[in-house]
Amino acid sequence: MINTFDWFAKWSEYNPEKIAVKIGETGKKYTYRELHFAANALAVDLEDTYGIQRGDRIAIISDNSIYQVLLFAAALKTGAVLVPLNFRLASEELQYMLEDSGSKLLFYRDSCVDVKKLKPGCEAVAIDKLSNCFNERPVYKSKKLHEEDAVFILYTSGTTGFPKGAVYTHKMMFWNSINTAHSLSLTSSTTTLNCMPLFHTGGWNVFLTPILHHGGTMLLFNKFDPAMILDCIEEERLDLFMAVPTMLKMMVDLPQFSAKDLSSLKYLIVGGESMPIPLIDVFHRKGIPVRQGYGLTEAGPNLTSLHQDEAKRKEGSIGKPNFYVDIRIVDDLGKDVEAGEPGELLIGGPMVTPGYWNRPEATEGAKLGAWLRTGDVATMDSEGFIYIVDRKKNMYISGGENVYPVEVERVLLSHQDVKEAVVIGVPDEKWGESGVAFLVADRELNSSEIKSFCQEKLAKFKIPAVVVNCSEIPKNDTGKLNRKLLKDNYLNTTTSHQKVKVN
């Protein structure tokens, strides 16, 4: 049973002058004591001025700044629930989530949203006004909270239907922090950075909340700038760095990369997509171990980890479950599959969400007893290493055979000229569905070459029927490949694409 919720009060007592957050772009530093007192001032203001009580939702539409951390610190004291929203969404999408969450207060930044286009149904306050909290030092007695109380409502991307708000509790946050510390040797002496957006669980819970729980130091960046991040790792002598492969490739491609001293990094943490071996090799040649993992908005998100010593031998694996994470791989009947057989990955443990906000049917559909259904198809080898075959919803059926795009993409990426590859399933009159491969390559690839290359490595029904040469692959805000946008654009504008048939 968790008995401590106000982390900033504790660290203000134990190590008050320790730097909790340093702003990457400006160098401005904030100690645990400063954030503790500022959060006290904010907690008083939230209750006295805005009537915020335990369990009330506070929405945030803003880019990264110290003020999100301040709101988080106040939430630990008051029991308020933060609802960070993606400021890149359209007004109608934001409107839906504000209404769905029943937010009682909205903090926003003018450069991120036109509040006049919204009808938030609550008071909207410019987030920069929170700077006044650093000028006050009131006494505030933190509320008695319960570990099942929510601290965040984190909205999913909404690739199907309306987005769902995953309830993220104090219990989940605590055990995610413990799992992260066990896996990555995270302590109060750890210094790392975050450039992931704070409307995503990756921005909040991969490193930021575990670091603040353990009393470490976080360098907070407004956004990802490859040159600035590279300089920061070297100059600040960071212990850890987390990124998706797309971000790492942008850093590696910088002309100054080879001369940079990154030897302070104990690990490079990779998530979002599988990291190609050539990119792993680049960092290994610099003496930097690469650890890949797996996570979900609805659990953790730090769920599995592939030890750096296995990065090449177990290429494509997400590793093994973290210390307090249970997993199962089951068939369509909910029965455990044999080693090597594909099935749906289930997650169990104290870091699993109790459900979706005001969505009992969606919550029921996401659970199999006490287990969370990930929607990911996975296999486990004889040594216990887990491999994600594909998202269950990405699978398509061609001529009665299941095709997992990730499997096809791995083959295409092994072609010496292919830099990026995405495969989607589209309707096909003959086969029901067939594959379309979008390739970013050093040169235009012709049909005979693709056919010959794939036939050596894939069953015929898995070979894409159409190849689209393109200059870039669209990605979402966290750097993941945006399959939905690709598919929507392709189906809407098929005739405008160059196609290469593979018969």
Protein backbone atom coordinates (compact mmCIF):
# COMPACT_ATOMS: atom_id res chain seq x y z
CA MET A 1 0.00 0.00 0.00
CA ILE A 2 1.46 3.36 -1.05
CA ASN A 3 1.61 5.81 1.87
CA THR A 4 3.53 8.70 0.27
CA PHE A 5 2.10 10.70 -2.62
CA ASP A 6 3.69 14.16 -2.30
CA TRP A 7 7.13 13.47 -3.74
CA PHE A 8 8.14 17.13 -3.84
CA ALA A 9 7.48 17.64 -0.14
CA LYS A 10 9.64 14.60 0.64
CA TRP A 11 12.57 15.63 -1.57
CA SER A 12 12.28 19.20 -0.33
CA GLU A 13 12.95 17.76 3.12
CA TYR A 14 15.62 15.22 2.16
CA ASN A 15 17.59 17.07 -0.54
CA PRO A 16 16.10 20.56 -0.93
CA GLU A 17 18.81 22.13 -3.09
CA LYS A 18 18.99 19.24 -5.54
CA ILE A 19 18.14 20.33 -9.09
CA ALA A 20 14.89 18.62 -10.05
CA VAL A 21 14.39 20.19 -13.48
CA LYS A 22 16.63 22.19 -15.77
CA ILE A 23 15.15 23.75 -18.91
CA GLY A 24 17.16 22.51 -21.88
CA GLU A 25 16.85 25.58 -24.08
CA THR A 26 17.50 28.25 -21.41
CA GLY A 27 19.46 26.52 -18.66
CA LYS A 28 17.00 27.76 -16.01
CA LYS A 29 17.17 25.48 -12.95
CA TYR A 30 14.50 24.53 -10.41
CA THR A 31 15.29 22.77 -7.14
CA TYR A 32 12.98 20.35 -5.37
CA ARG A 33 12.42 22.97 -2.67
CA GLU A 34 11.46 25.65 -5.22
CA LEU A 35 9.00 23.35 -6.94
CA HIS A 36 7.59 22.21 -3.60
CA PHE A 37 6.80 25.75 -2.44
CA ALA A 38 5.54 26.84 -5.86
CA ALA A 39 3.26 23.79 -5.94
CA ASN A 40 1.97 24.71 -2.47
CA ALA A 41 1.06 28.15 -3.84
CA LEU A 42 -0.61 26.59 -6.87
CA ALA A 43 -2.52 24.10 -4.71
CA VAL A 44 -3.93 26.94 -2.60
CA ASP A 45 -4.88 28.88 -5.73
CA LEU A 46 -6.51 25.86 -7.38
CA GLU A 47 -8.72 25.27 -4.36
CA ASP A 48 -9.47 28.85 -3.28
CA THR A 49 -9.76 30.54 -6.68
CA TYR A 50 -11.02 27.76 -8.94
CA GLY A 51 -12.71 25.39 -6.51
CA ILE A 52 -10.60 22.39 -7.53
CA GLN A 53 -11.05 19.38 -5.26
CA ARG A 54 -9.65 15.87 -5.15
CA GLY A 55 -10.64 14.02 -8.33
CA ASP A 56 -11.42 17.14 -10.39
CA ARG A 57 -9.89 17.15 -13.86
CA ILE A 58 -7.52 19.88 -15.05
CA ALA A 59 -6.82 19.95 -18.79
CA ILE A 60 -3.55 21.18 -20.29
CA ILE A 61 -3.05 22.31 -23.89
CA SER A 62 0.56 23.45 -24.10
CA ASP A 63 4.01 22.61 -25.33
CA ASN A 64 6.61 21.39 -22.84
CA SER A 65 7.48 23.77 -20.01
CA ILE A 66 8.16 23.89 -16.28
CA TYR A 67 4.48 24.67 -15.74
CA GLN A 68 3.38 21.12 -16.56
CA VAL A 69 5.80 19.86 -13.91
CA LEU A 70 4.38 22.44 -11.49
CA LEU A 71 0.83 21.27 -12.22
CA PHE A 72 1.96 17.70 -11.67
CA ALA A 73 3.47 18.63 -8.30
CA ALA A 74 0.22 20.34 -7.33
CA ALA A 75 -1.78 17.28 -8.43
CA LEU A 76 0.27 15.13 -6.03
CA LYS A 77 -0.75 17.48 -3.23
CA THR A 78 -4.42 18.11 -4.08
CA GLY A 79 -5.51 14.88 -5.73
CA ALA A 80 -6.48 16.72 -8.92
CA VAL A 81 -6.31 14.74 -12.16
CA LEU A 82 -4.27 16.12 -15.07
CA VAL A 83 -5.61 15.73 -18.61
CA PRO A 84 -2.74 16.62 -20.97
CA LEU A 85 -4.05 17.10 -24.52
CA ASN A 86 -2.24 17.02 -27.85
CA PHE A 87 -2.13 20.65 -28.99
CA ARG A 88 -1.56 19.50 -32.58
CA LEU A 89 -5.11 18.15 -32.79
CA ALA A 90 -7.96 20.01 -34.44
CA SER A 91 -10.30 22.14 -32.34
CA GLU A 92 -13.14 19.63 -32.66
CA GLU A 93 -10.92 16.83 -31.37
CA LEU A 94 -9.78 18.91 -28.41
CA GLN A 95 -13.35 19.94 -27.76
CA TYR A 96 -14.41 16.29 -27.58
CA MET A 97 -11.74 15.39 -25.03
CA LEU A 98 -12.45 18.43 -22.87
CA GLU A 99 -16.11 17.45 -22.73
CA ASP A 100 -15.45 13.74 -22.34
CA SER A 101 -13.07 14.27 -19.42
CA GLY A 102 -15.39 16.77 -17.74
CA SER A 103 -12.43 19.04 -17.10
CA LYS A 104 -13.17 21.77 -14.56
CA LEU A 105 -10.22 23.98 -15.51
CA LEU A 106 -8.02 24.41 -18.60
CA PHE A 107 -4.47 25.74 -18.71
CA TYR A 108 -3.32 26.65 -22.21
CA ARG A 109 -0.60 28.39 -24.17
CA ASP A 110 -1.68 30.87 -26.84
CA SER A 111 0.86 29.61 -29.37
CA CYS A 112 -0.57 26.09 -29.11
CA VAL A 113 -4.33 26.63 -29.28
CA ASP A 114 -6.85 29.27 -30.23
CA VAL A 115 -9.08 29.15 -27.17
CA LYS A 116 -11.67 31.29 -28.96
CA LYS A 117 -12.37 28.32 -31.25
CA LEU A 118 -13.06 26.08 -28.25
CA LYS A 119 -16.02 25.88 -25.95
CA PRO A 120 -14.22 24.24 -23.04
CA GLY A 121 -17.18 24.41 -20.66
CA CYS A 122 -14.78 25.51 -17.93
CA GLU A 123 -12.54 28.42 -17.08
CA ALA A 124 -9.49 28.73 -19.35
CA VAL A 125 -6.28 30.24 -17.93
CA ALA A 126 -3.04 31.12 -19.74
CA ILE A 127 -0.45 28.69 -18.40
CA ASP A 128 2.29 31.34 -18.20
CA LYS A 129 0.37 32.95 -15.33
CA LEU A 130 1.64 30.10 -13.18
CA SER A 131 4.99 31.92 -13.02
CA ASN A 132 3.48 33.90 -10.12
CA CYS A 133 3.52 30.74 -7.99
CA PHE A 134 7.31 30.93 -7.71
CA ASN A 135 7.01 34.20 -5.81
CA GLU A 136 5.02 32.72 -2.90
CA ARG A 137 5.77 30.25 -0.09
CA PRO A 138 2.51 29.35 1.63
CA VAL A 139 2.01 26.34 3.88
CA TYR A 140 -0.24 23.65 2.41
CA LYS A 141 -1.28 20.35 3.94
CA SER A 142 -1.44 17.70 1.23
CA LYS A 143 -4.66 15.73 0.89
CA LYS A 144 -4.83 12.09 1.94
CA LEU A 145 -4.95 10.19 -1.33
CA HIS A 146 -5.48 6.55 -2.27
CA GLU A 147 -3.26 4.60 -4.63
CA GLU A 148 -6.24 3.89 -6.92
CA ASP A 149 -6.89 7.63 -7.36
CA ALA A 150 -6.17 8.88 -10.86
CA VAL A 151 -3.30 11.28 -11.46
CA PHE A 152 -3.67 11.45 -15.27
CA ILE A 153 -6.25 10.76 -17.92
CA LEU A 154 -4.20 9.99 -21.02
CA TYR A 155 -6.07 9.94 -24.31
CA THR A 156 -5.20 7.34 -26.89
CA SER A 157 -4.53 8.36 -30.47
CA GLY A 158 -8.06 7.47 -31.57
CA THR A 159 -7.10 5.55 -34.70
CA THR A 160 -10.53 3.91 -34.58
CA GLY A 161 -13.61 5.82 -33.47
CA PHE A 162 -13.35 8.43 -30.73
CA PRO A 163 -10.24 8.60 -28.54
CA LYS A 164 -10.44 6.90 -25.15
CA GLY A 165 -9.04 8.32 -21.94
CA ALA A 166 -6.89 5.77 -20.14
CA VAL A 167 -7.07 6.29 -16.39
CA TYR A 168 -3.52 6.45 -14.98
CA THR A 169 -3.41 6.00 -11.22
CA HIS A 170 -0.88 6.79 -8.50
CA LYS A 171 -0.43 3.04 -8.09
CA MET A 172 0.45 2.64 -11.76
CA MET A 173 2.89 5.54 -11.60
CA PHE A 174 4.61 4.18 -8.48
CA TRP A 175 5.14 0.67 -9.85
CA ASN A 176 6.21 1.98 -13.25
CA SER A 177 8.88 3.97 -11.42
CA ILE A 178 10.02 0.93 -9.45
CA ASN A 179 10.16 -1.21 -12.60
CA THR A 180 12.16 1.50 -14.38
CA ALA A 181 14.63 1.78 -11.50
CA HIS A 182 15.14 -1.99 -11.37
CA SER A 183 15.61 -2.26 -15.11
CA LEU A 184 17.87 0.75 -15.69
CA SER A 185 19.58 1.27 -12.30
CA LEU A 186 17.88 4.64 -11.95
CA THR A 187 18.73 6.48 -8.70
CA SER A 188 18.70 9.97 -7.18
CA SER A 189 22.05 10.61 -8.90
CA THR A 190 20.61 9.96 -12.37
CA THR A 191 20.53 12.84 -14.85
CA THR A 192 18.70 12.51 -18.12
CA LEU A 193 16.60 14.55 -20.54
CA ASN A 194 13.11 14.53 -21.94
CA CYS A 195 12.19 15.93 -25.35
CA MET A 196 9.05 13.81 -25.79
CA PRO A 197 5.76 15.75 -25.73
CA LEU A 198 4.01 16.00 -22.36
CA PHE A 199 0.65 15.05 -23.81
CA HIS A 200 1.90 11.48 -24.20
CA THR A 201 2.71 8.80 -21.65
CA GLY A 202 6.20 8.59 -23.15
CA GLY A 203 6.83 12.21 -22.20
CA TRP A 204 5.52 11.79 -18.66
CA ASN A 205 6.22 8.24 -17.62
CA VAL A 206 9.21 6.81 -19.45
CA PHE A 207 11.63 8.97 -17.48
CA LEU A 208 10.08 12.15 -16.07
CA THR A 209 7.90 10.73 -13.28
CA PRO A 210 10.41 7.98 -12.35
CA ILE A 211 13.17 10.61 -12.14
CA LEU A 212 11.07 12.90 -9.94
CA HIS A 213 10.06 9.95 -7.75
CA HIS A 214 13.69 8.99 -7.19
CA GLY A 215 14.96 12.54 -6.69
CA GLY A 216 17.06 12.71 -9.86
CA THR A 217 17.52 15.55 -12.33
CA MET A 218 15.59 16.01 -15.57
CA LEU A 219 16.62 18.32 -18.39
CA LEU A 220 13.33 19.28 -19.99
CA PHE A 221 13.26 20.33 -23.64
CA ASN A 222 10.37 22.01 -25.39
CA LYS A 223 10.84 19.78 -28.44
CA PHE A 224 13.31 17.50 -30.19
CA ASP A 225 16.18 19.31 -31.87
CA PRO A 226 18.83 16.73 -32.91
CA ALA A 227 21.79 19.10 -32.73
CA MET A 228 20.75 20.58 -29.39
CA ILE A 229 20.05 17.16 -27.88
CA LEU A 230 23.41 15.84 -29.06
CA ASP A 231 25.19 18.82 -27.48
CA CYS A 232 23.24 18.33 -24.25
CA ILE A 233 24.22 14.67 -23.88
CA GLU A 234 27.89 15.57 -24.21
CA GLU A 235 27.94 18.78 -22.15
CA GLU A 236 25.70 17.60 -19.30
CA ARG A 237 27.28 14.12 -19.18
CA LEU A 238 23.89 12.42 -19.12
CA ASP A 239 23.44 8.93 -17.71
CA LEU A 240 20.50 7.88 -19.87
CA PHE A 241 18.79 8.96 -23.05
CA MET A 242 15.54 7.67 -24.53
CA ALA A 243 14.44 8.14 -28.14
CA VAL A 244 12.69 6.43 -31.02
CA PRO A 245 14.82 5.17 -33.94
CA THR A 246 13.74 8.05 -36.21
CA MET A 247 15.14 10.59 -33.75
CA LEU A 248 18.38 8.65 -33.35
CA LYS A 249 18.84 8.45 -37.13
CA MET A 250 18.50 12.24 -37.33
CA MET A 251 21.23 12.60 -34.70
CA VAL A 252 23.54 10.10 -36.39
CA ASP A 253 23.17 11.91 -39.71
CA LEU A 254 24.52 15.15 -38.24
CA PRO A 255 28.08 15.90 -39.44
CA GLN A 256 29.25 16.52 -35.87
CA PHE A 257 27.96 13.18 -34.55
CA SER A 258 31.20 11.21 -34.99
CA ALA A 259 33.22 13.74 -32.99
CA LYS A 260 30.84 13.87 -30.03
CA ASP A 261 31.87 12.32 -26.72
CA LEU A 262 28.81 10.38 -25.52
CA SER A 263 30.73 8.07 -23.20
CA SER A 264 28.76 9.19 -20.12
CA LEU A 265 25.68 7.28 -21.34
CA LYS A 266 25.17 4.04 -19.44
CA TYR A 267 22.40 3.06 -21.83
CA LEU A 268 20.57 4.27 -24.87
CA ILE A 269 16.88 3.44 -24.41
CA VAL A 270 14.89 2.78 -27.58
CA GLY A 271 11.11 2.47 -27.90
CA GLY A 272 8.30 3.00 -30.34
CA GLU A 273 9.71 0.92 -33.20
CA SER A 274 12.31 -1.82 -33.56
CA MET A 275 15.81 -0.38 -34.02
CA PRO A 276 17.67 -1.55 -37.16
CA ILE A 277 20.94 -3.40 -36.58
CA PRO A 278 23.04 -0.87 -38.59
CA LEU A 279 21.84 1.88 -36.27
CA ILE A 280 22.59 -0.26 -33.20
CA ASP A 281 26.09 -0.81 -34.59
CA VAL A 282 26.69 2.95 -34.87
CA PHE A 283 26.13 3.39 -31.13
CA HIS A 284 27.93 0.20 -30.16
CA ARG A 285 31.02 1.47 -32.02
CA LYS A 286 30.87 4.51 -29.73
CA GLY A 287 30.71 2.19 -26.72
CA ILE A 288 27.06 2.98 -25.96
CA PRO A 289 24.87 -0.01 -25.01
CA VAL A 290 21.43 -0.08 -26.63
CA ARG A 291 18.40 -1.27 -24.70
CA GLN A 292 15.10 -1.74 -26.47
CA GLY A 293 11.74 -2.12 -24.80
CA TYR A 294 7.99 -2.06 -25.06
CA GLY A 295 5.23 -0.03 -23.46
CA LEU A 296 1.60 1.04 -23.60
CA THR A 297 -0.42 4.06 -22.57
CA GLU A 298 -2.68 1.68 -20.63
CA ALA A 299 0.15 0.04 -18.69
CA GLY A 300 3.53 1.10 -17.42
CA PRO A 301 4.62 2.27 -19.96
CA ASN A 302 7.98 0.63 -19.12
CA LEU A 303 7.00 -3.02 -19.44
CA THR A 304 9.82 -5.00 -21.05
CA SER A 305 13.52 -4.53 -21.63
CA LEU A 306 16.06 -6.19 -23.90
CA HIS A 307 19.44 -6.28 -22.16
CA GLN A 308 22.13 -4.47 -24.10
CA ASP A 309 24.25 -7.61 -24.35
CA GLU A 310 21.47 -9.24 -26.37
CA ALA A 311 20.80 -6.28 -28.70
CA LYS A 312 22.26 -8.01 -31.75
CA ARG A 313 21.75 -11.69 -30.91
CA LYS A 314 18.06 -11.08 -30.25
CA GLU A 315 17.44 -8.56 -33.02
CA GLY A 316 13.81 -7.46 -33.13
CA SER A 317 13.02 -8.66 -29.60
CA ILE A 318 11.45 -6.42 -26.95
CA GLY A 319 13.28 -8.48 -24.34
CA LYS A 320 11.80 -9.89 -21.18
CA PRO A 321 9.22 -8.49 -18.73
CA ASN A 322 10.42 -5.96 -16.18
CA PHE A 323 10.60 -7.01 -12.53
CA TYR A 324 6.95 -6.53 -11.49
CA VAL A 325 5.37 -7.23 -14.89
CA ASP A 326 3.56 -10.46 -15.78
CA ILE A 327 2.89 -11.51 -19.37
CA ARG A 328 0.97 -14.18 -21.23
CA ILE A 329 0.64 -14.95 -24.94
CA VAL A 330 -2.72 -16.47 -25.80
CA ASP A 331 -4.73 -17.71 -28.77
CA ASP A 332 -8.20 -16.51 -29.77
CA LEU A 333 -9.72 -18.74 -27.10
CA GLY A 334 -7.59 -17.22 -24.34
CA LYS A 335 -5.36 -20.28 -23.98
CA ASP A 336 -1.58 -19.95 -23.64
CA VAL A 337 0.29 -20.77 -26.84
CA GLU A 338 3.45 -22.83 -27.19
CA ALA A 339 6.90 -21.26 -27.55
CA GLY A 340 7.32 -19.82 -31.03
CA GLU A 341 3.59 -19.70 -31.72
CA PRO A 342 1.96 -16.28 -32.32
CA GLY A 343 -0.78 -15.05 -30.04
CA GLU A 344 -2.04 -11.91 -28.36
CA LEU A 345 0.23 -10.44 -25.71
CA LEU A 346 -1.44 -9.91 -22.33
CA ILE A 347 -0.04 -7.75 -19.52
CA GLY A 348 -0.64 -8.24 -15.81
CA GLY A 349 0.60 -6.43 -12.71
CA PRO A 350 0.08 -3.33 -10.57
CA MET A 351 0.95 -0.99 -13.45
CA VAL A 352 -2.15 -1.89 -15.51
CA THR A 353 -4.92 0.70 -15.89
CA PRO A 354 -8.21 0.11 -14.10
CA GLY A 355 -9.89 1.13 -17.35
CA TYR A 356 -11.00 3.91 -19.67
CA TRP A 357 -12.67 7.06 -18.41
CA ASN A 358 -16.48 6.67 -18.58
CA ARG A 359 -16.10 3.74 -21.01
CA PRO A 360 -17.20 0.55 -19.21
CA GLU A 361 -17.72 -1.36 -22.47
CA ALA A 362 -14.30 -0.39 -23.80
CA THR A 363 -12.76 -1.31 -20.45
CA GLU A 364 -14.42 -4.72 -20.50
CA GLY A 365 -13.26 -5.30 -24.07
CA ALA A 366 -9.68 -4.45 -23.14
CA LYS A 367 -9.50 -7.01 -20.34
CA LEU A 368 -9.31 -10.78 -20.22
CA GLY A 369 -10.00 -11.43 -16.57
CA ALA A 370 -7.30 -9.59 -14.65
CA TRP A 371 -5.15 -9.26 -17.78
CA LEU A 372 -4.86 -6.32 -20.17
CA ARG A 373 -5.25 -7.20 -23.83
CA THR A 374 -2.56 -5.29 -25.72
CA GLY A 375 -3.87 -5.93 -29.23
CA ASP A 376 -0.32 -6.90 -30.18
CA VAL A 377 0.50 -10.28 -31.71
CA ALA A 378 3.67 -11.68 -30.18
CA THR A 379 5.79 -14.79 -29.91
CA MET A 380 8.14 -16.01 -27.17
CA ASP A 381 11.22 -18.03 -27.99
CA SER A 382 12.59 -20.95 -25.97
CA GLU A 383 14.75 -18.57 -23.91
CA GLY A 384 11.82 -16.38 -22.88
CA PHE A 385 12.53 -13.44 -25.21
CA ILE A 386 9.42 -11.77 -26.61
CA TYR A 387 8.96 -10.61 -30.18
CA ILE A 388 6.14 -8.39 -31.42
CA VAL A 389 4.88 -9.83 -34.68
CA ASP A 390 2.51 -6.93 -35.35
CA ARG A 391 -0.44 -4.99 -34.09
CA LYS A 392 -3.47 -7.26 -34.27
CA LYS A 393 -5.39 -4.49 -36.03
CA ASN A 394 -2.61 -4.07 -38.64
CA MET A 395 -2.90 -7.68 -39.72
CA TYR A 396 -4.68 -8.25 -43.01
CA ILE A 397 -5.93 -11.46 -44.66
CA SER A 398 -4.81 -12.19 -48.20
CA GLY A 399 -6.27 -15.28 -49.86
CA GLY A 400 -7.26 -16.66 -46.46
CA GLU A 401 -3.74 -16.23 -45.00
CA ASN A 402 -2.85 -13.87 -42.16
CA VAL A 403 -0.21 -11.29 -43.09
CA TYR A 404 1.57 -9.25 -40.43
CA PRO A 405 3.03 -6.07 -41.98
CA VAL A 406 5.96 -5.86 -39.57
CA GLU A 407 7.25 -9.20 -40.82
CA VAL A 408 7.18 -7.94 -44.41
CA GLU A 409 8.72 -4.61 -43.43
CA ARG A 410 11.68 -6.31 -41.79
CA VAL A 411 12.44 -8.07 -45.06
CA LEU A 412 12.11 -4.88 -47.09
CA LEU A 413 14.36 -3.01 -44.66
CA SER A 414 17.07 -5.59 -45.20
CA HIS A 415 17.35 -4.40 -48.83
CA GLN A 416 20.54 -2.36 -49.08
CA ASP A 417 18.81 0.64 -50.69
CA VAL A 418 15.70 0.81 -48.49
CA LYS A 419 15.81 3.35 -45.66
CA GLU A 420 12.19 3.13 -44.48
CA ALA A 421 9.33 0.75 -45.24
CA VAL A 422 5.67 0.57 -44.26
CA VAL A 423 3.20 -2.06 -45.43
CA ILE A 424 -0.59 -1.73 -45.19
CA GLY A 425 -3.45 -3.98 -46.25
CA VAL A 426 -6.00 -2.65 -48.74
CA PRO A 427 -9.09 -4.21 -50.37
CA ASP A 428 -8.39 -6.55 -53.27
CA GLU A 429 -11.10 -8.01 -55.55
CA LYS A 430 -9.30 -11.31 -56.02
CA TRP A 431 -7.60 -11.95 -52.68
CA GLY A 432 -9.85 -10.04 -50.28
CA GLU A 433 -6.90 -7.90 -49.20
CA SER A 434 -3.40 -7.35 -50.51
CA GLY A 435 -0.37 -5.41 -49.38
CA VAL A 436 0.89 -1.98 -50.38
CA ALA A 437 4.51 -1.19 -49.52
CA PHE A 438 5.62 2.42 -49.10
CA LEU A 439 9.39 2.70 -49.51
CA VAL A 440 11.88 5.46 -48.92
CA ALA A 441 14.97 4.34 -50.83
CA ASP A 442 18.21 5.67 -52.28
CA ARG A 443 16.84 4.97 -55.74
CA GLU A 444 13.56 4.04 -57.37
CA LEU A 445 12.95 0.32 -57.06
CA ASN A 446 11.42 -1.59 -59.97
CA SER A 447 8.95 -4.45 -59.85
CA SER A 448 11.26 -7.25 -60.90
CA GLU A 449 13.84 -6.37 -58.26
CA ILE A 450 11.29 -6.19 -55.45
CA LYS A 451 9.67 -9.44 -56.54
CA SER A 452 12.98 -11.27 -56.72
CA PHE A 453 14.16 -9.88 -53.40
CA CYS A 454 10.95 -10.76 -51.52
CA GLN A 455 10.49 -14.22 -53.05
CA GLU A 456 13.72 -15.38 -51.45
CA LYS A 457 12.49 -14.42 -48.00
CA LEU A 458 8.67 -14.37 -47.96
CA ALA A 459 5.79 -16.62 -48.90
CA LYS A 460 4.11 -15.46 -52.12
CA PHE A 461 0.95 -14.26 -50.36
CA LYS A 462 3.02 -11.95 -48.18
CA ILE A 463 4.70 -10.13 -51.06
CA PRO A 464 3.19 -6.64 -51.49
CA ALA A 465 1.01 -6.26 -54.58
CA VAL A 466 1.90 -2.58 -54.94
CA VAL A 467 5.08 -0.67 -54.23
CA VAL A 468 4.98 3.10 -53.78
CA ASN A 469 8.25 5.01 -53.98
CA CYS A 470 8.02 8.09 -51.78
CA SER A 471 10.31 10.76 -50.34
CA GLU A 472 9.25 10.33 -46.72
CA ILE A 473 6.96 8.33 -44.42
CA PRO A 474 4.56 10.37 -42.26
CA LYS A 475 5.04 10.00 -38.52
CA ASN A 476 2.99 10.92 -35.48
CA ASP A 477 4.01 13.21 -32.64
CA THR A 478 6.14 10.56 -30.94
CA GLY A 479 8.02 9.55 -34.09
CA LYS A 480 6.07 6.37 -34.80
CA LEU A 481 5.10 5.52 -38.36
CA ASN A 482 1.61 6.81 -39.10
CA ARG A 483 -0.01 3.83 -40.81
CA LYS A 484 -3.52 5.20 -40.61
CA LEU A 485 -2.62 8.40 -42.44
CA LEU A 486 -0.78 6.44 -45.11
CA LYS A 487 -3.72 4.14 -45.66
CA ASP A 488 -6.29 6.94 -45.71
CA ASN A 489 -4.25 8.98 -48.20
CA TYR A 490 -3.61 5.96 -50.41
CA LEU A 491 -7.25 4.91 -50.56
CA ASN A 492 -8.35 8.49 -51.23
CA THR A 493 -5.75 9.30 -53.88
CA THR A 494 -4.73 5.95 -55.35
CA THR A 495 -4.60 7.17 -58.92
CA SER A 496 -2.10 9.90 -58.05
CA HIS A 497 0.53 7.40 -56.85
CA GLN A 498 3.11 5.70 -58.98
CA LYS A 499 2.48 1.97 -58.68
CA VAL A 500 4.67 -1.00 -59.40
CA LYS A 501 2.74 -4.24 -59.65
CA VAL A 502 4.30 -7.38 -58.25
CA ASN A 503 2.48 -10.38 -59.70
